[in-house]
């Protein structure tokens, strides 16, 4: 299992940047968290296809609802609540 670096509040500004329509911040969020969200979804669903769909839906929701996200708290927590 990979060791994770401590996450700065607000994901190091990723949510702030996403709220400002910065698509590159979403790319960074995907790079950092896709595998973790996918593995979580795989454990919950037992299906690789369903896990991939669920993970994709999580990141789509982040982008679609970007104006509503607050930069406080853990980005990882937000993603796992959505999953």
PDB file of N, CA and C in Angstrom:
ATOM      1  N   UNK A   1       0.844  -1.179   0.000  1.00  0.00           N
ATOM      2  CA  UNK A   1       0.000   0.000   0.000  1.00  0.00           C
ATOM      3  C   UNK A   1       0.888   1.240   0.000  1.00  0.00           C
ATOM      4  N   UNK A   2       0.519   2.212  -0.793  1.00  0.00           N
ATOM      5  CA  UNK A   2       1.328   3.415  -0.923  1.00  0.00           C
ATOM      6  C   UNK A   2       1.127   4.348   0.257  1.00  0.00           C
ATOM      7  N   UNK A   3       2.187   4.982   0.673  1.00  0.00           N
ATOM      8  CA  UNK A   3       2.092   5.962   1.754  1.00  0.00           C
ATOM      9  C   UNK A   3       1.639   7.285   1.162  1.00  0.00           C
ATOM     10  N   UNK A   4       0.706   7.925   1.830  1.00  0.00           N
ATOM     11  CA  UNK A   4       0.186   9.195   1.343  1.00  0.00           C
ATOM     12  C   UNK A   4       0.783  10.342   2.133  1.00  0.00           C
ATOM     13  N   UNK A   5       1.163  11.359   1.423  1.00  0.00           N
ATOM     14  CA  UNK A   5       1.646  12.571   2.084  1.00  0.00           C
ATOM     15  C   UNK A   5       0.463  13.240   2.756  1.00  0.00           C
ATOM     16  N   UNK A   6       0.685  13.920   3.860  1.00  0.00           N
ATOM     17  CA  UNK A   6      -0.422  14.638   4.493  1.00  0.00           C
ATOM     18  C   UNK A   6      -1.041  15.625   3.510  1.00  0.00           C
ATOM     19  N   UNK A   7      -2.334  15.693   3.553  1.00  0.00           N
ATOM     20  CA  UNK A   7      -3.045  16.570   2.632  1.00  0.00           C
ATOM     21  C   UNK A   7      -3.235  17.949   3.258  1.00  0.00           C
ATOM     22  N   UNK A   8      -2.825  18.988   2.556  1.00  0.00           N
ATOM     23  CA  UNK A   8      -3.076  20.331   3.074  1.00  0.00           C
ATOM     24  C   UNK A   8      -4.571  20.611   3.067  1.00  0.00           C
ATOM     25  N   UNK A   9      -5.065  21.476   3.952  1.00  0.00           N
ATOM     26  CA  UNK A   9      -6.488  21.822   3.923  1.00  0.00           C
ATOM     27  C   UNK A   9      -6.902  22.299   2.540  1.00  0.00           C
ATOM     28  N   UNK A  10      -8.046  21.835   2.082  1.00  0.00           N
ATOM     29  CA  UNK A  10      -8.528  22.227   0.759  1.00  0.00           C
ATOM     30  C   UNK A  10      -7.744  21.594  -0.364  1.00  0.00           C
ATOM     31  N   UNK A  11      -6.980  20.538  -0.057  1.00  0.00           N
ATOM     32  CA  UNK A  11      -6.239  19.853  -1.108  1.00  0.00           C
ATOM     33  C   UNK A  11      -5.150  20.709  -1.712  1.00  0.00           C
ATOM     34  N   UNK A  12      -4.584  21.607  -0.925  1.00  0.00           N
ATOM     35  CA  UNK A  12      -3.525  22.464  -1.440  1.00  0.00           C
ATOM     36  C   UNK A  12      -4.036  23.482  -2.440  1.00  0.00           C
ATOM     37  N   UNK A  13      -5.287  23.879  -2.284  1.00  0.00           N
ATOM     38  CA  UNK A  13      -5.855  24.876  -3.187  1.00  0.00           C
ATOM     39  C   UNK A  13      -6.551  24.305  -4.400  1.00  0.00           C
ATOM     40  N   UNK A  14      -6.617  22.984  -4.511  1.00  0.00           N
ATOM     41  CA  UNK A  14      -7.244  22.393  -5.693  1.00  0.00           C
ATOM     42  C   UNK A  14      -8.719  22.769  -5.809  1.00  0.00           C
ATOM     43  N   UNK A  15      -9.450  22.722  -4.706  1.00  0.00           N
ATOM     44  CA  UNK A  15     -10.869  23.075  -4.790  1.00  0.00           C
ATOM     45  C   UNK A  15     -11.071  24.545  -5.129  1.00  0.00           C
ATOM     46  N   UNK A  16     -10.219  25.390  -4.612  1.00  0.00           N
ATOM     47  CA  UNK A  16     -10.303  26.813  -4.948  1.00  0.00           C
ATOM     48  C   UNK A  16     -10.081  26.993  -6.448  1.00  0.00           C
ATOM     49  N   UNK A  17      -9.082  26.320  -6.964  1.00  0.00           N
ATOM     50  CA  UNK A  17      -8.791  26.419  -8.406  1.00  0.00           C
ATOM     51  C   UNK A  17      -9.911  25.800  -9.241  1.00  0.00           C
ATOM     52  N   UNK A  18     -10.463  24.681  -8.786  1.00  0.00           N
ATOM     53  CA  UNK A  18     -11.574  24.059  -9.516  1.00  0.00           C
ATOM     54  C   UNK A  18     -12.778  24.988  -9.513  1.00  0.00           C
ATOM     55  N   UNK A  19     -13.044  25.616  -8.370  1.00  0.00           N
ATOM     56  CA  UNK A  19     -14.159  26.578  -8.291  1.00  0.00           C
ATOM     57  C   UNK A  19     -13.961  27.741  -9.257  1.00  0.00           C
ATOM     58  N   UNK A  20     -12.716  28.025  -9.603  1.00  0.00           N
ATOM     59  CA  UNK A  20     -12.406  29.111 -10.541  1.00  0.00           C
ATOM     60  C   UNK A  20     -12.338  28.617 -11.982  1.00  0.00           C
ATOM     61  N   UNK A  21     -12.924  27.433 -12.230  1.00  0.00           N
ATOM     62  CA  UNK A  21     -12.990  26.847 -13.578  1.00  0.00           C
ATOM     63  C   UNK A  21     -11.629  26.451 -14.137  1.00  0.00           C
ATOM     64  N   UNK A  22     -10.689  26.115 -13.266  1.00  0.00           N
ATOM     65  CA  UNK A  22      -9.356  25.698 -13.691  1.00  0.00           C
ATOM     66  C   UNK A  22      -9.350  24.188 -13.943  1.00  0.00           C
ATOM     67  N   UNK A  23      -9.483  23.809 -15.215  1.00  0.00           N
ATOM     68  CA  UNK A  23      -9.544  22.389 -15.577  1.00  0.00           C
ATOM     69  C   UNK A  23      -8.243  21.660 -15.247  1.00  0.00           C
ATOM     70  N   UNK A  24      -7.125  22.361 -15.228  1.00  0.00           N
ATOM     71  CA  UNK A  24      -5.860  21.701 -14.889  1.00  0.00           C
ATOM     72  C   UNK A  24      -5.859  21.253 -13.424  1.00  0.00           C
ATOM     73  N   UNK A  25      -6.601  21.959 -12.564  1.00  0.00           N
ATOM     74  CA  UNK A  25      -6.718  21.542 -11.164  1.00  0.00           C
ATOM     75  C   UNK A  25      -7.508  20.243 -11.068  1.00  0.00           C
ATOM     76  N   UNK A  26      -8.521  20.085 -11.914  1.00  0.00           N
ATOM     77  CA  UNK A  26      -9.265  18.825 -11.947  1.00  0.00           C
ATOM     78  C   UNK A  26      -8.351  17.699 -12.413  1.00  0.00           C
ATOM     79  N   UNK A  27      -7.512  17.971 -13.399  1.00  0.00           N
ATOM     80  CA  UNK A  27      -6.532  16.974 -13.848  1.00  0.00           C
ATOM     81  C   UNK A  27      -5.626  16.548 -12.697  1.00  0.00           C
ATOM     82  N   UNK A  28      -5.165  17.512 -11.917  1.00  0.00           N
ATOM     83  CA  UNK A  28      -4.306  17.198 -10.772  1.00  0.00           C
ATOM     84  C   UNK A  28      -5.060  16.389  -9.726  1.00  0.00           C
ATOM     85  N   UNK A  29      -6.323  16.725  -9.502  1.00  0.00           N
ATOM     86  CA  UNK A  29      -7.149  15.979  -8.571  1.00  0.00           C
ATOM     87  C   UNK A  29      -7.296  14.527  -9.040  1.00  0.00           C
ATOM     88  N   UNK A  30      -7.542  14.360 -10.321  1.00  0.00           N
ATOM     89  CA  UNK A  30      -7.642  13.013 -10.899  1.00  0.00           C
ATOM     90  C   UNK A  30      -6.343  12.238 -10.714  1.00  0.00           C
ATOM     91  N   UNK A  31      -5.225  12.870 -11.026  1.00  0.00           N
ATOM     92  CA  UNK A  31      -3.922  12.208 -10.874  1.00  0.00           C
ATOM     93  C   UNK A  31      -3.686  11.757  -9.443  1.00  0.00           C
ATOM     94  N   UNK A  32      -4.032  12.614  -8.507  1.00  0.00           N
ATOM     95  CA  UNK A  32      -3.727  12.328  -7.110  1.00  0.00           C
ATOM     96  C   UNK A  32      -4.687  11.308  -6.490  1.00  0.00           C
ATOM     97  N   UNK A  33      -5.972  11.339  -6.879  1.00  0.00           N
ATOM     98  CA  UNK A  33      -6.975  10.572  -6.161  1.00  0.00           C
ATOM     99  C   UNK A  33      -7.698   9.487  -6.950  1.00  0.00           C
ATOM    100  N   UNK A  34      -7.523   9.427  -8.268  1.00  0.00           N
ATOM    101  CA  UNK A  34      -8.272   8.441  -9.070  1.00  0.00           C
ATOM    102  C   UNK A  34      -8.097   7.020  -8.528  1.00  0.00           C
ATOM    103  N   UNK A  35      -6.874   6.585  -8.332  1.00  0.00           N
ATOM    104  CA  UNK A  35      -6.625   5.205  -7.913  1.00  0.00           C
ATOM    105  C   UNK A  35      -7.258   4.915  -6.557  1.00  0.00           C
ATOM    106  N   UNK A  36      -7.189   5.865  -5.632  1.00  0.00           N
ATOM    107  CA  UNK A  36      -7.779   5.656  -4.310  1.00  0.00           C
ATOM    108  C   UNK A  36      -9.298   5.537  -4.390  1.00  0.00           C
ATOM    109  N   UNK A  37      -9.924   6.399  -5.164  1.00  0.00           N
ATOM    110  CA  UNK A  37     -11.382   6.361  -5.303  1.00  0.00           C
ATOM    111  C   UNK A  37     -11.787   5.081  -6.030  1.00  0.00           C
ATOM    112  N   UNK A  38     -11.036   4.712  -7.060  1.00  0.00           N
ATOM    113  CA  UNK A  38     -11.331   3.487  -7.799  1.00  0.00           C
ATOM    114  C   UNK A  38     -11.243   2.258  -6.890  1.00  0.00           C
ATOM    115  N   UNK A  39     -10.170   2.163  -6.106  1.00  0.00           N
ATOM    116  CA  UNK A  39     -10.019   1.006  -5.211  1.00  0.00           C
ATOM    117  C   UNK A  39     -11.147   0.950  -4.184  1.00  0.00           C
ATOM    118  N   UNK A  40     -11.518   2.088  -3.656  1.00  0.00           N
ATOM    119  CA  UNK A  40     -12.623   2.146  -2.706  1.00  0.00           C
ATOM    120  C   UNK A  40     -13.914   1.654  -3.376  1.00  0.00           C
ATOM    121  N   UNK A  41     -14.179   2.159  -4.576  1.00  0.00           N
ATOM    122  CA  UNK A  41     -15.382   1.759  -5.305  1.00  0.00           C
ATOM    123  C   UNK A  41     -15.348   0.270  -5.654  1.00  0.00           C
ATOM    124  N   UNK A  42     -14.188  -0.242  -5.978  1.00  0.00           N
ATOM    125  CA  UNK A  42     -14.048  -1.662  -6.299  1.00  0.00           C
ATOM    126  C   UNK A  42     -14.377  -2.525  -5.088  1.00  0.00           C
ATOM    127  N   UNK A  43     -13.889  -2.114  -3.925  1.00  0.00           N
ATOM    128  CA  UNK A  43     -14.220  -2.853  -2.699  1.00  0.00           C
ATOM    129  C   UNK A  43     -15.718  -2.806  -2.419  1.00  0.00           C
ATOM    130  N   UNK A  44     -16.339  -1.671  -2.694  1.00  0.00           N
ATOM    131  CA  UNK A  44     -17.776  -1.522  -2.412  1.00  0.00           C
ATOM    132  C   UNK A  44     -18.644  -2.267  -3.419  1.00  0.00           C
ATOM    133  N   UNK A  45     -18.231  -2.295  -4.690  1.00  0.00           N
ATOM    134  CA  UNK A  45     -19.086  -2.863  -5.734  1.00  0.00           C
ATOM    135  C   UNK A  45     -18.704  -4.292  -6.112  1.00  0.00           C
ATOM    136  N   UNK A  46     -17.409  -4.632  -5.990  1.00  0.00           N
ATOM    137  CA  UNK A  46     -16.945  -5.944  -6.414  1.00  0.00           C
ATOM    138  C   UNK A  46     -16.828  -6.090  -7.919  1.00  0.00           C
ATOM    139  N   UNK A  47     -17.001  -5.008  -8.646  1.00  0.00           N
ATOM    140  CA  UNK A  47     -16.968  -5.039 -10.112  1.00  0.00           C
ATOM    141  C   UNK A  47     -16.040  -3.950 -10.625  1.00  0.00           C
ATOM    142  N   UNK A  48     -15.086  -4.339 -11.467  1.00  0.00           N
ATOM    143  CA  UNK A  48     -14.149  -3.364 -12.025  1.00  0.00           C
ATOM    144  C   UNK A  48     -14.874  -2.331 -12.877  1.00  0.00           C
ATOM    145  N   UNK A  49     -15.847  -2.779 -13.676  1.00  0.00           N
ATOM    146  CA  UNK A  49     -16.586  -1.841 -14.533  1.00  0.00           C
ATOM    147  C   UNK A  49     -17.407  -0.864 -13.699  1.00  0.00           C
ATOM    148  N   UNK A  50     -18.109  -1.385 -12.698  1.00  0.00           N
ATOM    149  CA  UNK A  50     -18.919  -0.514 -11.838  1.00  0.00           C
ATOM    150  C   UNK A  50     -18.036   0.450 -11.056  1.00  0.00           C
ATOM    151  N   UNK A  51     -16.873  -0.018 -10.615  1.00  0.00           N
ATOM    152  CA  UNK A  51     -15.948   0.841  -9.866  1.00  0.00           C
ATOM    153  C   UNK A  51     -15.433   1.973 -10.751  1.00  0.00           C
ATOM    154  N   UNK A  52     -15.095   1.662 -11.991  1.00  0.00           N
ATOM    155  CA  UNK A  52     -14.618   2.694 -12.914  1.00  0.00           C
ATOM    156  C   UNK A  52     -15.723   3.714 -13.190  1.00  0.00           C
ATOM    157  N   UNK A  53     -16.950   3.228 -13.370  1.00  0.00           N
ATOM    158  CA  UNK A  53     -18.077   4.143 -13.595  1.00  0.00           C
ATOM    159  C   UNK A  53     -18.306   5.040 -12.393  1.00  0.00           C
ATOM    160  N   UNK A  54     -18.262   4.447 -11.206  1.00  0.00           N
ATOM    161  CA  UNK A  54     -18.483   5.216  -9.984  1.00  0.00           C
ATOM    162  C   UNK A  54     -17.383   6.256  -9.784  1.00  0.00           C
ATOM    163  N   UNK A  55     -16.139   5.867  -9.996  1.00  0.00           N
ATOM    164  CA  UNK A  55     -15.028   6.808  -9.847  1.00  0.00           C
ATOM    165  C   UNK A  55     -15.174   7.967 -10.837  1.00  0.00           C
ATOM    166  N   UNK A  56     -15.545   7.642 -12.065  1.00  0.00           N
ATOM    167  CA  UNK A  56     -15.745   8.692 -13.065  1.00  0.00           C
ATOM    168  C   UNK A  56     -16.860   9.631 -12.630  1.00  0.00           C
ATOM    169  N   UNK A  57     -17.937   9.080 -12.106  1.00  0.00           N
ATOM    170  CA  UNK A  57     -19.065   9.895 -11.660  1.00  0.00           C
ATOM    171  C   UNK A  57     -18.657  10.837 -10.532  1.00  0.00           C
ATOM    172  N   UNK A  58     -17.827  10.364  -9.625  1.00  0.00           N
ATOM    173  CA  UNK A  58     -17.359  11.194  -8.508  1.00  0.00           C
ATOM    174  C   UNK A  58     -16.657  12.444  -9.047  1.00  0.00           C
ATOM    175  N   UNK A  59     -15.724  12.250  -9.978  1.00  0.00           N
ATOM    176  CA  UNK A  59     -14.963  13.396 -10.484  1.00  0.00           C
ATOM    177  C   UNK A  59     -15.813  14.288 -11.381  1.00  0.00           C
ATOM    178  N   UNK A  60     -16.776  13.706 -12.079  1.00  0.00           N
ATOM    179  CA  UNK A  60     -17.713  14.528 -12.854  1.00  0.00           C
ATOM    180  C   UNK A  60     -18.543  15.411 -11.931  1.00  0.00           C
ATOM    181  N   UNK A  61     -18.978  14.845 -10.797  1.00  0.00           N
ATOM    182  CA  UNK A  61     -19.753  15.628  -9.827  1.00  0.00           C
ATOM    183  C   UNK A  61     -18.926  16.780  -9.257  1.00  0.00           C
ATOM    184  N   UNK A  62     -17.664  16.516  -8.986  1.00  0.00           N
ATOM    185  CA  UNK A  62     -16.804  17.590  -8.470  1.00  0.00           C
ATOM    186  C   UNK A  62     -16.805  18.751  -9.462  1.00  0.00           C
ATOM    187  N   UNK A  63     -16.637  18.443 -10.737  1.00  0.00           N
ATOM    188  CA  UNK A  63     -16.580  19.508 -11.742  1.00  0.00           C
ATOM    189  C   UNK A  63     -17.944  20.171 -11.936  1.00  0.00           C
ATOM    190  N   UNK A  64     -18.995  19.358 -12.042  1.00  0.00           N
ATOM    191  CA  UNK A  64     -20.322  19.908 -12.296  1.00  0.00           C
ATOM    192  C   UNK A  64     -20.827  20.778 -11.148  1.00  0.00           C
ATOM    193  N   UNK A  65     -20.465  20.436  -9.926  1.00  0.00           N
ATOM    194  CA  UNK A  65     -20.940  21.161  -8.748  1.00  0.00           C
ATOM    195  C   UNK A  65     -19.848  22.032  -8.125  1.00  0.00           C
ATOM    196  N   UNK A  66     -18.887  22.405  -8.921  1.00  0.00           N
ATOM    197  CA  UNK A  66     -17.699  23.094  -8.399  1.00  0.00           C
ATOM    198  C   UNK A  66     -18.009  24.382  -7.646  1.00  0.00           C
ATOM    199  N   UNK A  67     -19.045  25.083  -8.032  1.00  0.00           N
ATOM    200  CA  UNK A  67     -19.363  26.344  -7.360  1.00  0.00           C
ATOM    201  C   UNK A  67     -19.813  26.121  -5.915  1.00  0.00           C
ATOM    202  N   UNK A  68     -20.260  24.923  -5.597  1.00  0.00           N
ATOM    203  CA  UNK A  68     -20.792  24.646  -4.265  1.00  0.00           C
ATOM    204  C   UNK A  68     -19.728  24.171  -3.275  1.00  0.00           C
ATOM    205  N   UNK A  69     -18.585  23.724  -3.762  1.00  0.00           N
ATOM    206  CA  UNK A  69     -17.581  23.144  -2.859  1.00  0.00           C
ATOM    207  C   UNK A  69     -16.873  24.227  -2.063  1.00  0.00           C
ATOM    208  N   UNK A  70     -16.679  23.931  -0.802  1.00  0.00           N
ATOM    209  CA  UNK A  70     -15.936  24.836   0.079  1.00  0.00           C
ATOM    210  C   UNK A  70     -14.517  24.297   0.221  1.00  0.00           C
ATOM    211  N   UNK A  71     -13.543  25.171   0.247  1.00  0.00           N
ATOM    212  CA  UNK A  71     -12.153  24.717   0.314  1.00  0.00           C
ATOM    213  C   UNK A  71     -11.722  24.206   1.680  1.00  0.00           C
ATOM    214  N   UNK A  72     -12.581  24.276   2.698  1.00  0.00           N
ATOM    215  CA  UNK A  72     -12.209  23.777   4.012  1.00  0.00           C
ATOM    216  C   UNK A  72     -12.294  22.254   4.012  1.00  0.00           C
ATOM    217  N   UNK A  73     -11.569  21.652   4.924  1.00  0.00           N
ATOM    218  CA  UNK A  73     -11.654  20.206   5.088  1.00  0.00           C
ATOM    219  C   UNK A  73     -10.822  19.448   4.072  1.00  0.00           C
ATOM    220  N   UNK A  74     -11.047  18.178   4.069  1.00  0.00           N
ATOM    221  CA  UNK A  74     -10.248  17.259   3.273  1.00  0.00           C
ATOM    222  C   UNK A  74     -10.882  17.008   1.910  1.00  0.00           C
ATOM    223  N   UNK A  75     -10.118  17.190   0.861  1.00  0.00           N
ATOM    224  CA  UNK A  75     -10.587  16.858  -0.485  1.00  0.00           C
ATOM    225  C   UNK A  75     -10.836  15.357  -0.556  1.00  0.00           C
ATOM    226  N   UNK A  76      -9.947  14.589   0.038  1.00  0.00           N
ATOM    227  CA  UNK A  76     -10.096  13.135   0.045  1.00  0.00           C
ATOM    228  C   UNK A  76     -11.418  12.755   0.717  1.00  0.00           C
ATOM    229  N   UNK A  77     -11.745  13.391   1.820  1.00  0.00           N
ATOM    230  CA  UNK A  77     -13.009  13.127   2.492  1.00  0.00           C
ATOM    231  C   UNK A  77     -14.202  13.441   1.615  1.00  0.00           C
ATOM    232  N   UNK A  78     -14.139  14.565   0.895  1.00  0.00           N
ATOM    233  CA  UNK A  78     -15.195  14.937  -0.028  1.00  0.00           C
ATOM    234  C   UNK A  78     -15.373  13.857  -1.087  1.00  0.00           C
ATOM    235  N   UNK A  79     -14.279  13.422  -1.680  1.00  0.00           N
ATOM    236  CA  UNK A  79     -14.347  12.421  -2.735  1.00  0.00           C
ATOM    237  C   UNK A  79     -14.940  11.110  -2.231  1.00  0.00           C
ATOM    238  N   UNK A  80     -14.543  10.698  -1.055  1.00  0.00           N
ATOM    239  CA  UNK A  80     -15.059   9.439  -0.520  1.00  0.00           C
ATOM    240  C   UNK A  80     -16.512   9.566  -0.081  1.00  0.00           C
ATOM    241  N   UNK A  81     -16.945  10.736   0.341  1.00  0.00           N
ATOM    242  CA  UNK A  81     -18.371  10.929   0.633  1.00  0.00           C
ATOM    243  C   UNK A  81     -19.186  10.823  -0.643  1.00  0.00           C
ATOM    244  N   UNK A  82     -18.669  11.373  -1.729  1.00  0.00           N
ATOM    245  CA  UNK A  82     -19.365  11.277  -3.012  1.00  0.00           C
ATOM    246  C   UNK A  82     -19.421   9.836  -3.519  1.00  0.00           C
ATOM    247  N   UNK A  83     -18.344   9.098  -3.274  1.00  0.00           N
ATOM    248  CA  UNK A  83     -18.301   7.697  -3.731  1.00  0.00           C
ATOM    249  C   UNK A  83     -19.241   6.864  -2.891  1.00  0.00           C
TER     250      UNK A  83
END
